[in-house]
Amino acid sequence: GDIYIPKLEKTEALAGVVEDFVMAVTK
């Protein structure tokens, strides 16, 4: 059938890691 190409987030992955770490520590 067809091919679907989803739109992706363009934020830096490592920024997500750091955010996750900070939220785990502080919250």
mmCIF file of all heavy atoms, coordinates in Angstrom:
data_MODEL
# 
_entry.id   MODEL 
# 
loop_
_atom_site.group_PDB 
_atom_site.id 
_atom_site.type_symbol 
_atom_site.label_atom_id 
_atom_site.label_alt_id 
_atom_site.label_comp_id 
_atom_site.label_asym_id 
_atom_site.label_entity_id 
_atom_site.label_seq_id 
_atom_site.pdbx_PDB_ins_code 
_atom_site.Cartn_x 
_atom_site.Cartn_y 
_atom_site.Cartn_z 
_atom_site.occupancy 
_atom_site.B_iso_or_equiv 
_atom_site.pdbx_formal_charge 
_atom_site.auth_seq_id 
_atom_site.auth_comp_id 
_atom_site.auth_asym_id 
_atom_site.auth_atom_id 
_atom_site.pdbx_PDB_model_num 
ATOM 1   N N   . GLY A 1 1  ? 0.819  -1.211 0.000  1.00 0.00 ? 1  GLY A N   1 
ATOM 2   C CA  . GLY A 1 1  ? 0.000  0.000  0.000  1.00 0.00 ? 1  GLY A CA  1 
ATOM 3   C C   . GLY A 1 1  ? 0.849  1.256  0.000  1.00 0.00 ? 1  GLY A C   1 
ATOM 4   O O   . GLY A 1 1  ? 1.979  1.275  -0.508 1.00 0.00 ? 1  GLY A O   1 
ATOM 5   N N   . ASP A 1 2  ? 0.326  2.305  0.595  1.00 0.00 ? 2  ASP A N   1 
ATOM 6   C CA  . ASP A 1 2  ? 1.003  3.602  0.601  1.00 0.00 ? 2  ASP A CA  1 
ATOM 7   C C   . ASP A 1 2  ? 2.137  3.647  1.626  1.00 0.00 ? 2  ASP A C   1 
ATOM 8   O O   . ASP A 1 2  ? 2.269  2.773  2.483  1.00 0.00 ? 2  ASP A O   1 
ATOM 9   C CB  . ASP A 1 2  ? 0.000  4.708  0.929  1.00 0.00 ? 2  ASP A CB  1 
ATOM 10  C CG  . ASP A 1 2  ? -1.057 4.865  -0.152 1.00 0.00 ? 2  ASP A CG  1 
ATOM 11  O OD1 . ASP A 1 2  ? -0.741 4.556  -1.321 1.00 0.00 ? 2  ASP A OD1 1 
ATOM 12  O OD2 . ASP A 1 2  ? -2.176 5.281  0.182  1.00 0.00 ? 2  ASP A OD2 1 
ATOM 13  N N   . ILE A 1 3  ? 2.940  4.699  1.522  1.00 0.00 ? 3  ILE A N   1 
ATOM 14  C CA  . ILE A 1 3  ? 4.000  4.972  2.490  1.00 0.00 ? 3  ILE A CA  1 
ATOM 15  C C   . ILE A 1 3  ? 3.624  6.234  3.252  1.00 0.00 ? 3  ILE A C   1 
ATOM 16  O O   . ILE A 1 3  ? 3.279  7.256  2.650  1.00 0.00 ? 3  ILE A O   1 
ATOM 17  C CB  . ILE A 1 3  ? 5.367  5.167  1.803  1.00 0.00 ? 3  ILE A CB  1 
ATOM 18  C CG1 . ILE A 1 3  ? 5.755  3.908  1.029  1.00 0.00 ? 3  ILE A CG1 1 
ATOM 19  C CG2 . ILE A 1 3  ? 6.441  5.508  2.833  1.00 0.00 ? 3  ILE A CG2 1 
ATOM 20  C CD1 . ILE A 1 3  ? 7.003  4.085  0.194  1.00 0.00 ? 3  ILE A CD1 1 
ATOM 21  N N   . TYR A 1 4  ? 3.675  6.133  4.574  1.00 0.00 ? 4  TYR A N   1 
ATOM 22  C CA  . TYR A 1 4  ? 3.338  7.279  5.432  1.00 0.00 ? 4  TYR A CA  1 
ATOM 23  C C   . TYR A 1 4  ? 4.613  7.773  6.105  1.00 0.00 ? 4  TYR A C   1 
ATOM 24  O O   . TYR A 1 4  ? 5.388  6.988  6.656  1.00 0.00 ? 4  TYR A O   1 
ATOM 25  C CB  . TYR A 1 4  ? 2.315  6.860  6.479  1.00 0.00 ? 4  TYR A CB  1 
ATOM 26  C CG  . TYR A 1 4  ? 2.142  7.840  7.620  1.00 0.00 ? 4  TYR A CG  1 
ATOM 27  C CD1 . TYR A 1 4  ? 1.687  9.138  7.399  1.00 0.00 ? 4  TYR A CD1 1 
ATOM 28  C CD2 . TYR A 1 4  ? 2.430  7.460  8.932  1.00 0.00 ? 4  TYR A CD2 1 
ATOM 29  C CE1 . TYR A 1 4  ? 1.527  10.032 8.439  1.00 0.00 ? 4  TYR A CE1 1 
ATOM 30  C CE2 . TYR A 1 4  ? 2.263  8.351  9.992  1.00 0.00 ? 4  TYR A CE2 1 
ATOM 31  C CZ  . TYR A 1 4  ? 1.816  9.626  9.737  1.00 0.00 ? 4  TYR A CZ  1 
ATOM 32  O OH  . TYR A 1 4  ? 1.662  10.510 10.770 1.00 0.00 ? 4  TYR A OH  1 
ATOM 33  N N   . ILE A 1 5  ? 4.851  9.087  6.039  1.00 0.00 ? 5  ILE A N   1 
ATOM 34  C CA  . ILE A 1 5  ? 6.042  9.686  6.655  1.00 0.00 ? 5  ILE A CA  1 
ATOM 35  C C   . ILE A 1 5  ? 5.591  10.641 7.753  1.00 0.00 ? 5  ILE A C   1 
ATOM 36  O O   . ILE A 1 5  ? 5.078  11.728 7.464  1.00 0.00 ? 5  ILE A O   1 
ATOM 37  C CB  . ILE A 1 5  ? 6.890  10.434 5.606  1.00 0.00 ? 5  ILE A CB  1 
ATOM 38  C CG1 . ILE A 1 5  ? 7.316  9.476  4.489  1.00 0.00 ? 5  ILE A CG1 1 
ATOM 39  C CG2 . ILE A 1 5  ? 8.121  11.073 6.266  1.00 0.00 ? 5  ILE A CG2 1 
ATOM 40  C CD1 . ILE A 1 5  ? 8.011  10.151 3.328  1.00 0.00 ? 5  ILE A CD1 1 
ATOM 41  N N   . PRO A 1 6  ? 5.719  10.239 9.014  1.00 0.00 ? 6  PRO A N   1 
ATOM 42  C CA  . PRO A 1 6  ? 5.239  11.103 10.107 1.00 0.00 ? 6  PRO A CA  1 
ATOM 43  C C   . PRO A 1 6  ? 6.136  12.318 10.315 1.00 0.00 ? 6  PRO A C   1 
ATOM 44  O O   . PRO A 1 6  ? 7.347  12.272 10.064 1.00 0.00 ? 6  PRO A O   1 
ATOM 45  C CB  . PRO A 1 6  ? 5.282  10.175 11.323 1.00 0.00 ? 6  PRO A CB  1 
ATOM 46  C CG  . PRO A 1 6  ? 6.353  9.179  11.005 1.00 0.00 ? 6  PRO A CG  1 
ATOM 47  C CD  . PRO A 1 6  ? 6.302  8.982  9.523  1.00 0.00 ? 6  PRO A CD  1 
ATOM 48  N N   . LYS A 1 7  ? 5.527  13.388 10.804 1.00 0.00 ? 7  LYS A N   1 
ATOM 49  C CA  . LYS A 1 7  ? 6.288  14.574 11.175 1.00 0.00 ? 7  LYS A CA  1 
ATOM 50  C C   . LYS A 1 7  ? 6.952  14.324 12.525 1.00 0.00 ? 7  LYS A C   1 
ATOM 51  O O   . LYS A 1 7  ? 6.328  13.812 13.456 1.00 0.00 ? 7  LYS A O   1 
ATOM 52  C CB  . LYS A 1 7  ? 5.363  15.787 11.267 1.00 0.00 ? 7  LYS A CB  1 
ATOM 53  C CG  . LYS A 1 7  ? 6.080  17.092 11.541 1.00 0.00 ? 7  LYS A CG  1 
ATOM 54  C CD  . LYS A 1 7  ? 5.102  18.262 11.563 1.00 0.00 ? 7  LYS A CD  1 
ATOM 55  C CE  . LYS A 1 7  ? 5.819  19.574 11.832 1.00 0.00 ? 7  LYS A CE  1 
ATOM 56  N NZ  . LYS A 1 7  ? 4.873  20.727 11.863 1.00 0.00 ? 7  LYS A NZ  1 
ATOM 57  N N   . LEU A 1 8  ? 8.231  14.682 12.642 1.00 0.00 ? 8  LEU A N   1 
ATOM 58  C CA  . LEU A 1 8  ? 8.995  14.375 13.847 1.00 0.00 ? 8  LEU A CA  1 
ATOM 59  C C   . LEU A 1 8  ? 9.346  15.634 14.635 1.00 0.00 ? 8  LEU A C   1 
ATOM 60  O O   . LEU A 1 8  ? 9.510  16.714 14.055 1.00 0.00 ? 8  LEU A O   1 
ATOM 61  C CB  . LEU A 1 8  ? 10.298 13.656 13.474 1.00 0.00 ? 8  LEU A CB  1 
ATOM 62  C CG  . LEU A 1 8  ? 10.178 12.414 12.591 1.00 0.00 ? 8  LEU A CG  1 
ATOM 63  C CD1 . LEU A 1 8  ? 11.561 11.843 12.315 1.00 0.00 ? 8  LEU A CD1 1 
ATOM 64  C CD2 . LEU A 1 8  ? 9.282  11.366 13.229 1.00 0.00 ? 8  LEU A CD2 1 
ATOM 65  N N   . GLU A 1 9  ? 9.451  15.459 15.957 1.00 0.00 ? 9  GLU A N   1 
ATOM 66  C CA  . GLU A 1 9  ? 9.977  16.539 16.800 1.00 0.00 ? 9  GLU A CA  1 
ATOM 67  C C   . GLU A 1 9  ? 11.409 16.856 16.374 1.00 0.00 ? 9  GLU A C   1 
ATOM 68  O O   . GLU A 1 9  ? 12.169 15.963 16.017 1.00 0.00 ? 9  GLU A O   1 
ATOM 69  C CB  . GLU A 1 9  ? 10.017 16.102 18.266 1.00 0.00 ? 9  GLU A CB  1 
ATOM 70  C CG  . GLU A 1 9  ? 8.709  16.166 18.995 1.00 0.00 ? 9  GLU A CG  1 
ATOM 71  C CD  . GLU A 1 9  ? 8.889  15.817 20.469 1.00 0.00 ? 9  GLU A CD  1 
ATOM 72  O OE1 . GLU A 1 9  ? 10.040 15.842 20.953 1.00 0.00 ? 9  GLU A OE1 1 
ATOM 73  O OE2 . GLU A 1 9  ? 7.894  15.494 21.130 1.00 0.00 ? 9  GLU A OE2 1 
ATOM 74  N N   . LYS A 1 10 ? 11.796 18.120 16.453 1.00 0.00 ? 10 LYS A N   1 
ATOM 75  C CA  . LYS A 1 10 ? 13.145 18.508 16.042 1.00 0.00 ? 10 LYS A CA  1 
ATOM 76  C C   . LYS A 1 10 ? 14.014 18.977 17.199 1.00 0.00 ? 10 LYS A C   1 
ATOM 77  O O   . LYS A 1 10 ? 15.073 19.544 16.993 1.00 0.00 ? 10 LYS A O   1 
ATOM 78  C CB  . LYS A 1 10 ? 13.055 19.597 14.965 1.00 0.00 ? 10 LYS A CB  1 
ATOM 79  C CG  . LYS A 1 10 ? 12.465 19.092 13.663 1.00 0.00 ? 10 LYS A CG  1 
ATOM 80  C CD  . LYS A 1 10 ? 12.525 20.128 12.563 1.00 0.00 ? 10 LYS A CD  1 
ATOM 81  C CE  . LYS A 1 10 ? 11.970 19.571 11.261 1.00 0.00 ? 10 LYS A CE  1 
ATOM 82  N NZ  . LYS A 1 10 ? 12.024 20.565 10.144 1.00 0.00 ? 10 LYS A NZ  1 
ATOM 83  N N   . THR A 1 11 ? 13.559 18.718 18.419 1.00 0.00 ? 11 THR A N   1 
ATOM 84  C CA  . THR A 1 11 ? 14.363 19.100 19.577 1.00 0.00 ? 11 THR A CA  1 
ATOM 85  C C   . THR A 1 11 ? 15.531 18.133 19.736 1.00 0.00 ? 11 THR A C   1 
ATOM 86  O O   . THR A 1 11 ? 15.453 16.959 19.353 1.00 0.00 ? 11 THR A O   1 
ATOM 87  C CB  . THR A 1 11 ? 13.514 19.086 20.860 1.00 0.00 ? 11 THR A CB  1 
ATOM 88  O OG1 . THR A 1 11 ? 12.881 17.806 20.981 1.00 0.00 ? 11 THR A OG1 1 
ATOM 89  C CG2 . THR A 1 11 ? 12.453 20.162 20.815 1.00 0.00 ? 11 THR A CG2 1 
ATOM 90  N N   . GLU A 1 12 ? 16.617 18.626 20.318 1.00 0.00 ? 12 GLU A N   1 
ATOM 91  C CA  . GLU A 1 12 ? 17.804 17.794 20.516 1.00 0.00 ? 12 GLU A CA  1 
ATOM 92  C C   . GLU A 1 12 ? 17.510 16.696 21.539 1.00 0.00 ? 12 GLU A C   1 
ATOM 93  O O   . GLU A 1 12 ? 16.964 16.963 22.613 1.00 0.00 ? 12 GLU A O   1 
ATOM 94  C CB  . GLU A 1 12 ? 18.979 18.655 20.998 1.00 0.00 ? 12 GLU A CB  1 
ATOM 95  C CG  . GLU A 1 12 ? 20.278 17.864 21.117 1.00 0.00 ? 12 GLU A CG  1 
ATOM 96  C CD  . GLU A 1 12 ? 21.440 18.719 21.617 1.00 0.00 ? 12 GLU A CD  1 
ATOM 97  O OE1 . GLU A 1 12 ? 21.241 19.943 21.809 1.00 0.00 ? 12 GLU A OE1 1 
ATOM 98  O OE2 . GLU A 1 12 ? 22.540 18.170 21.804 1.00 0.00 ? 12 GLU A OE2 1 
ATOM 99  N N   . ALA A 1 13 ? 17.894 15.473 21.186 1.00 0.00 ? 13 ALA A N   1 
ATOM 100 C CA  . ALA A 1 13 ? 17.602 14.328 22.060 1.00 0.00 ? 13 ALA A CA  1 
ATOM 101 C C   . ALA A 1 13 ? 18.270 14.473 23.419 1.00 0.00 ? 13 ALA A C   1 
ATOM 102 O O   . ALA A 1 13 ? 17.673 14.164 24.457 1.00 0.00 ? 13 ALA A O   1 
ATOM 103 C CB  . ALA A 1 13 ? 18.046 13.032 21.388 1.00 0.00 ? 13 ALA A CB  1 
ATOM 104 N N   . LEU A 1 14 ? 19.515 14.951 23.438 1.00 0.00 ? 14 LEU A N   1 
ATOM 105 C CA  . LEU A 1 14 ? 20.231 15.070 24.702 1.00 0.00 ? 14 LEU A CA  1 
ATOM 106 C C   . LEU A 1 14 ? 19.572 16.091 25.624 1.00 0.00 ? 14 LEU A C   1 
ATOM 107 O O   . LEU A 1 14 ? 19.629 15.955 26.849 1.00 0.00 ? 14 LEU A O   1 
ATOM 108 C CB  . LEU A 1 14 ? 21.703 15.440 24.456 1.00 0.00 ? 14 LEU A CB  1 
ATOM 109 C CG  . LEU A 1 14 ? 22.611 15.417 25.685 1.00 0.00 ? 14 LEU A CG  1 
ATOM 110 C CD1 . LEU A 1 14 ? 22.545 14.078 26.400 1.00 0.00 ? 14 LEU A CD1 1 
ATOM 111 C CD2 . LEU A 1 14 ? 24.051 15.744 25.293 1.00 0.00 ? 14 LEU A CD2 1 
ATOM 112 N N   . ALA A 1 15 ? 18.930 17.104 25.050 1.00 0.00 ? 15 ALA A N   1 
ATOM 113 C CA  . ALA A 1 15 ? 18.169 18.051 25.871 1.00 0.00 ? 15 ALA A CA  1 
ATOM 114 C C   . ALA A 1 15 ? 17.030 17.327 26.589 1.00 0.00 ? 15 ALA A C   1 
ATOM 115 O O   . ALA A 1 15 ? 16.700 17.640 27.744 1.00 0.00 ? 15 ALA A O   1 
ATOM 116 C CB  . ALA A 1 15 ? 17.613 19.176 25.007 1.00 0.00 ? 15 ALA A CB  1 
ATOM 117 N N   . GLY A 1 16 ? 16.447 16.333 25.923 1.00 0.00 ? 16 GLY A N   1 
ATOM 118 C CA  . GLY A 1 16 ? 15.405 15.521 26.547 1.00 0.00 ? 16 GLY A CA  1 
ATOM 119 C C   . GLY A 1 16 ? 15.950 14.666 27.670 1.00 0.00 ? 16 GLY A C   1 
ATOM 120 O O   . GLY A 1 16 ? 15.298 14.481 28.704 1.00 0.00 ? 16 GLY A O   1 
ATOM 121 N N   . VAL A 1 17 ? 17.158 14.124 27.482 1.00 0.00 ? 17 VAL A N   1 
ATOM 122 C CA  . VAL A 1 17 ? 17.805 13.337 28.536 1.00 0.00 ? 17 VAL A CA  1 
ATOM 123 C C   . VAL A 1 17 ? 18.032 14.202 29.775 1.00 0.00 ? 17 VAL A C   1 
ATOM 124 O O   . VAL A 1 17 ? 17.713 13.800 30.906 1.00 0.00 ? 17 VAL A O   1 
ATOM 125 C CB  . VAL A 1 17 ? 19.153 12.762 28.049 1.00 0.00 ? 17 VAL A CB  1 
ATOM 126 C CG1 . VAL A 1 17 ? 19.867 12.024 29.185 1.00 0.00 ? 17 VAL A CG1 1 
ATOM 127 C CG2 . VAL A 1 17 ? 18.952 11.823 26.871 1.00 0.00 ? 17 VAL A CG2 1 
ATOM 128 N N   . VAL A 1 18 ? 18.585 15.387 29.552 1.00 0.00 ? 18 VAL A N   1 
ATOM 129 C CA  . VAL A 1 18 ? 18.874 16.304 30.656 1.00 0.00 ? 18 VAL A CA  1 
ATOM 130 C C   . VAL A 1 18 ? 17.592 16.725 31.359 1.00 0.00 ? 18 VAL A C   1 
ATOM 131 O O   . VAL A 1 18 ? 17.518 16.769 32.594 1.00 0.00 ? 18 VAL A O   1 
ATOM 132 C CB  . VAL A 1 18 ? 19.669 17.525 30.148 1.00 0.00 ? 18 VAL A CB  1 
ATOM 133 C CG1 . VAL A 1 18 ? 19.775 18.596 31.229 1.00 0.00 ? 18 VAL A CG1 1 
ATOM 134 C CG2 . VAL A 1 18 ? 21.062 17.100 29.680 1.00 0.00 ? 18 VAL A CG2 1 
ATOM 135 N N   . GLU A 1 19 ? 16.561 17.032 30.591 1.00 0.00 ? 19 GLU A N   1 
ATOM 136 C CA  . GLU A 1 19 ? 15.265 17.392 31.167 1.00 0.00 ? 19 GLU A CA  1 
ATOM 137 C C   . GLU A 1 19 ? 14.723 16.249 32.033 1.00 0.00 ? 19 GLU A C   1 
ATOM 138 O O   . GLU A 1 19 ? 14.242 16.474 33.154 1.00 0.00 ? 19 GLU A O   1 
ATOM 139 C CB  . GLU A 1 19 ? 14.272 17.699 30.032 1.00 0.00 ? 19 GLU A CB  1 
ATOM 140 C CG  . GLU A 1 19 ? 12.820 17.812 30.452 1.00 0.00 ? 19 GLU A CG  1 
ATOM 141 C CD  . GLU A 1 19 ? 12.482 19.088 31.203 1.00 0.00 ? 19 GLU A CD  1 
ATOM 142 O OE1 . GLU A 1 19 ? 13.335 20.023 31.219 1.00 0.00 ? 19 GLU A OE1 1 
ATOM 143 O OE2 . GLU A 1 19 ? 11.375 19.167 31.775 1.00 0.00 ? 19 GLU A OE2 1 
ATOM 144 N N   . ASP A 1 20 ? 14.812 15.034 31.519 1.00 0.00 ? 20 ASP A N   1 
ATOM 145 C CA  . ASP A 1 20 ? 14.322 13.866 32.253 1.00 0.00 ? 20 ASP A CA  1 
ATOM 146 C C   . ASP A 1 20 ? 15.089 13.689 33.567 1.00 0.00 ? 20 ASP A C   1 
ATOM 147 O O   . ASP A 1 20 ? 14.501 13.396 34.609 1.00 0.00 ? 20 ASP A O   1 
ATOM 148 C CB  . ASP A 1 20 ? 14.499 12.623 31.374 1.00 0.00 ? 20 ASP A CB  1 
ATOM 149 C CG  . ASP A 1 20 ? 13.465 11.544 31.678 1.00 0.00 ? 20 ASP A CG  1 
ATOM 150 O OD1 . ASP A 1 20 ? 12.465 11.844 32.344 1.00 0.00 ? 20 ASP A OD1 1 
ATOM 151 O OD2 . ASP A 1 20 ? 13.667 10.403 31.243 1.00 0.00 ? 20 ASP A OD2 1 
ATOM 152 N N   . PHE A 1 21 ? 16.380 13.885 33.497 1.00 0.00 ? 21 PHE A N   1 
ATOM 153 C CA  . PHE A 1 21 ? 17.234 13.749 34.681 1.00 0.00 ? 21 PHE A CA  1 
ATOM 154 C C   . PHE A 1 21 ? 16.885 14.808 35.732 1.00 0.00 ? 21 PHE A C   1 
ATOM 155 O O   . PHE A 1 21 ? 16.714 14.500 36.918 1.00 0.00 ? 21 PHE A O   1 
ATOM 156 C CB  . PHE A 1 21 ? 18.700 13.862 34.278 1.00 0.00 ? 21 PHE A CB  1 
ATOM 157 C CG  . PHE A 1 21 ? 19.682 13.669 35.397 1.00 0.00 ? 21 PHE A CG  1 
ATOM 158 C CD1 . PHE A 1 21 ? 19.666 12.522 36.185 1.00 0.00 ? 21 PHE A CD1 1 
ATOM 159 C CD2 . PHE A 1 21 ? 20.639 14.641 35.658 1.00 0.00 ? 21 PHE A CD2 1 
ATOM 160 C CE1 . PHE A 1 21 ? 20.588 12.348 37.212 1.00 0.00 ? 21 PHE A CE1 1 
ATOM 161 C CE2 . PHE A 1 21 ? 21.564 14.475 36.672 1.00 0.00 ? 21 PHE A CE2 1 
ATOM 162 C CZ  . PHE A 1 21 ? 21.536 13.328 37.456 1.00 0.00 ? 21 PHE A CZ  1 
ATOM 163 N N   . VAL A 1 22 ? 16.758 16.045 35.281 1.00 0.00 ? 22 VAL A N   1 
ATOM 164 C CA  . VAL A 1 22 ? 16.448 17.135 36.208 1.00 0.00 ? 22 VAL A CA  1 
ATOM 165 C C   . VAL A 1 22 ? 15.081 16.927 36.855 1.00 0.00 ? 22 VAL A C   1 
ATOM 166 O O   . VAL A 1 22 ? 14.913 17.117 38.066 1.00 0.00 ? 22 VAL A O   1 
ATOM 167 C CB  . VAL A 1 22 ? 16.508 18.500 35.486 1.00 0.00 ? 22 VAL A CB  1 
ATOM 168 C CG1 . VAL A 1 22 ? 16.017 19.617 36.402 1.00 0.00 ? 22 VAL A CG1 1 
ATOM 169 C CG2 . VAL A 1 22 ? 17.918 18.791 35.005 1.00 0.00 ? 22 VAL A CG2 1 
ATOM 170 N N   . MET A 1 23 ? 14.096 16.505 36.075 1.00 0.00 ? 23 MET A N   1 
ATOM 171 C CA  . MET A 1 23 ? 12.752 16.279 36.620 1.00 0.00 ? 23 MET A CA  1 
ATOM 172 C C   . MET A 1 23 ? 12.747 15.097 37.595 1.00 0.00 ? 23 MET A C   1 
ATOM 173 O O   . MET A 1 23 ? 12.021 15.111 38.596 1.00 0.00 ? 23 MET A O   1 
ATOM 174 C CB  . MET A 1 23 ? 11.758 16.026 35.491 1.00 0.00 ? 23 MET A CB  1 
ATOM 175 C CG  . MET A 1 23 ? 11.441 17.240 34.629 1.00 0.00 ? 23 MET A CG  1 
ATOM 176 S SD  . MET A 1 23 ? 10.719 18.615 35.576 1.00 0.00 ? 23 MET A SD  1 
ATOM 177 C CE  . MET A 1 23 ? 12.169 19.691 35.745 1.00 0.00 ? 23 MET A CE  1 
ATOM 178 N N   . ALA A 1 24 ? 13.559 14.092 37.319 1.00 0.00 ? 24 ALA A N   1 
ATOM 179 C CA  . ALA A 1 24 ? 13.642 12.946 38.236 1.00 0.00 ? 24 ALA A CA  1 
ATOM 180 C C   . ALA A 1 24 ? 14.250 13.371 39.569 1.00 0.00 ? 24 ALA A C   1 
ATOM 181 O O   . ALA A 1 24 ? 13.814 12.939 40.635 1.00 0.00 ? 24 ALA A O   1 
ATOM 182 C CB  . ALA A 1 24 ? 14.464 11.831 37.605 1.00 0.00 ? 24 ALA A CB  1 
ATOM 183 N N   . VAL A 1 25 ? 15.264 14.243 39.500 1.00 0.00 ? 25 VAL A N   1 
ATOM 184 C CA  . VAL A 1 25 ? 15.952 14.695 40.717 1.00 0.00 ? 25 VAL A CA  1 
ATOM 185 C C   . VAL A 1 25 ? 15.098 15.682 41.505 1.00 0.00 ? 25 VAL A C   1 
ATOM 186 O O   . VAL A 1 25 ? 14.942 15.561 42.719 1.00 0.00 ? 25 VAL A O   1 
ATOM 187 C CB  . VAL A 1 25 ? 17.320 15.328 40.362 1.00 0.00 ? 25 VAL A CB  1 
ATOM 188 C CG1 . VAL A 1 25 ? 17.938 15.983 41.598 1.00 0.00 ? 25 VAL A CG1 1 
ATOM 189 C CG2 . VAL A 1 25 ? 18.270 14.271 39.787 1.00 0.00 ? 25 VAL A CG2 1 
ATOM 190 N N   . THR A 1 26 ? 14.535 16.660 40.810 1.00 0.00 ? 26 THR A N   1 
ATOM 191 C CA  . THR A 1 26 ? 13.855 17.757 41.503 1.00 0.00 ? 26 THR A CA  1 
ATOM 192 C C   . THR A 1 26 ? 12.376 17.492 41.777 1.00 0.00 ? 26 THR A C   1 
ATOM 193 O O   . THR A 1 26 ? 11.824 18.007 42.741 1.00 0.00 ? 26 THR A O   1 
ATOM 194 C CB  . THR A 1 26 ? 13.984 19.063 40.703 1.00 0.00 ? 26 THR A CB  1 
ATOM 195 O OG1 . THR A 1 26 ? 13.371 18.887 39.412 1.00 0.00 ? 26 THR A OG1 1 
ATOM 196 C CG2 . THR A 1 26 ? 15.449 19.444 40.518 1.00 0.00 ? 26 THR A CG2 1 
ATOM 197 N N   . LYS A 1 27 ? 11.740 16.687 40.942 1.00 0.00 ? 27 LYS A N   1 
ATOM 198 C CA  . LYS A 1 27 ? 10.297 16.452 41.073 1.00 0.00 ? 27 LYS A CA  1 
ATOM 199 C C   . LYS A 1 27 ? 9.950  15.012 41.432 1.00 0.00 ? 27 LYS A C   1 
ATOM 200 O O   . LYS A 1 27 ? 8.784  14.696 41.668 1.00 0.00 ? 27 LYS A O   1 
ATOM 201 C CB  . LYS A 1 27 ? 9.571  16.821 39.765 1.00 0.00 ? 27 LYS A CB  1 
ATOM 202 C CG  . LYS A 1 27 ? 9.843  18.228 39.253 1.00 0.00 ? 27 LYS A CG  1 
ATOM 203 C CD  . LYS A 1 27 ? 9.234  19.285 40.162 1.00 0.00 ? 27 LYS A CD  1 
ATOM 204 C CE  . LYS A 1 27 ? 9.410  20.676 39.548 1.00 0.00 ? 27 LYS A CE  1 
ATOM 205 N NZ  . LYS A 1 27 ? 8.910  21.734 40.440 1.00 0.00 ? 27 LYS A NZ  1 
# 
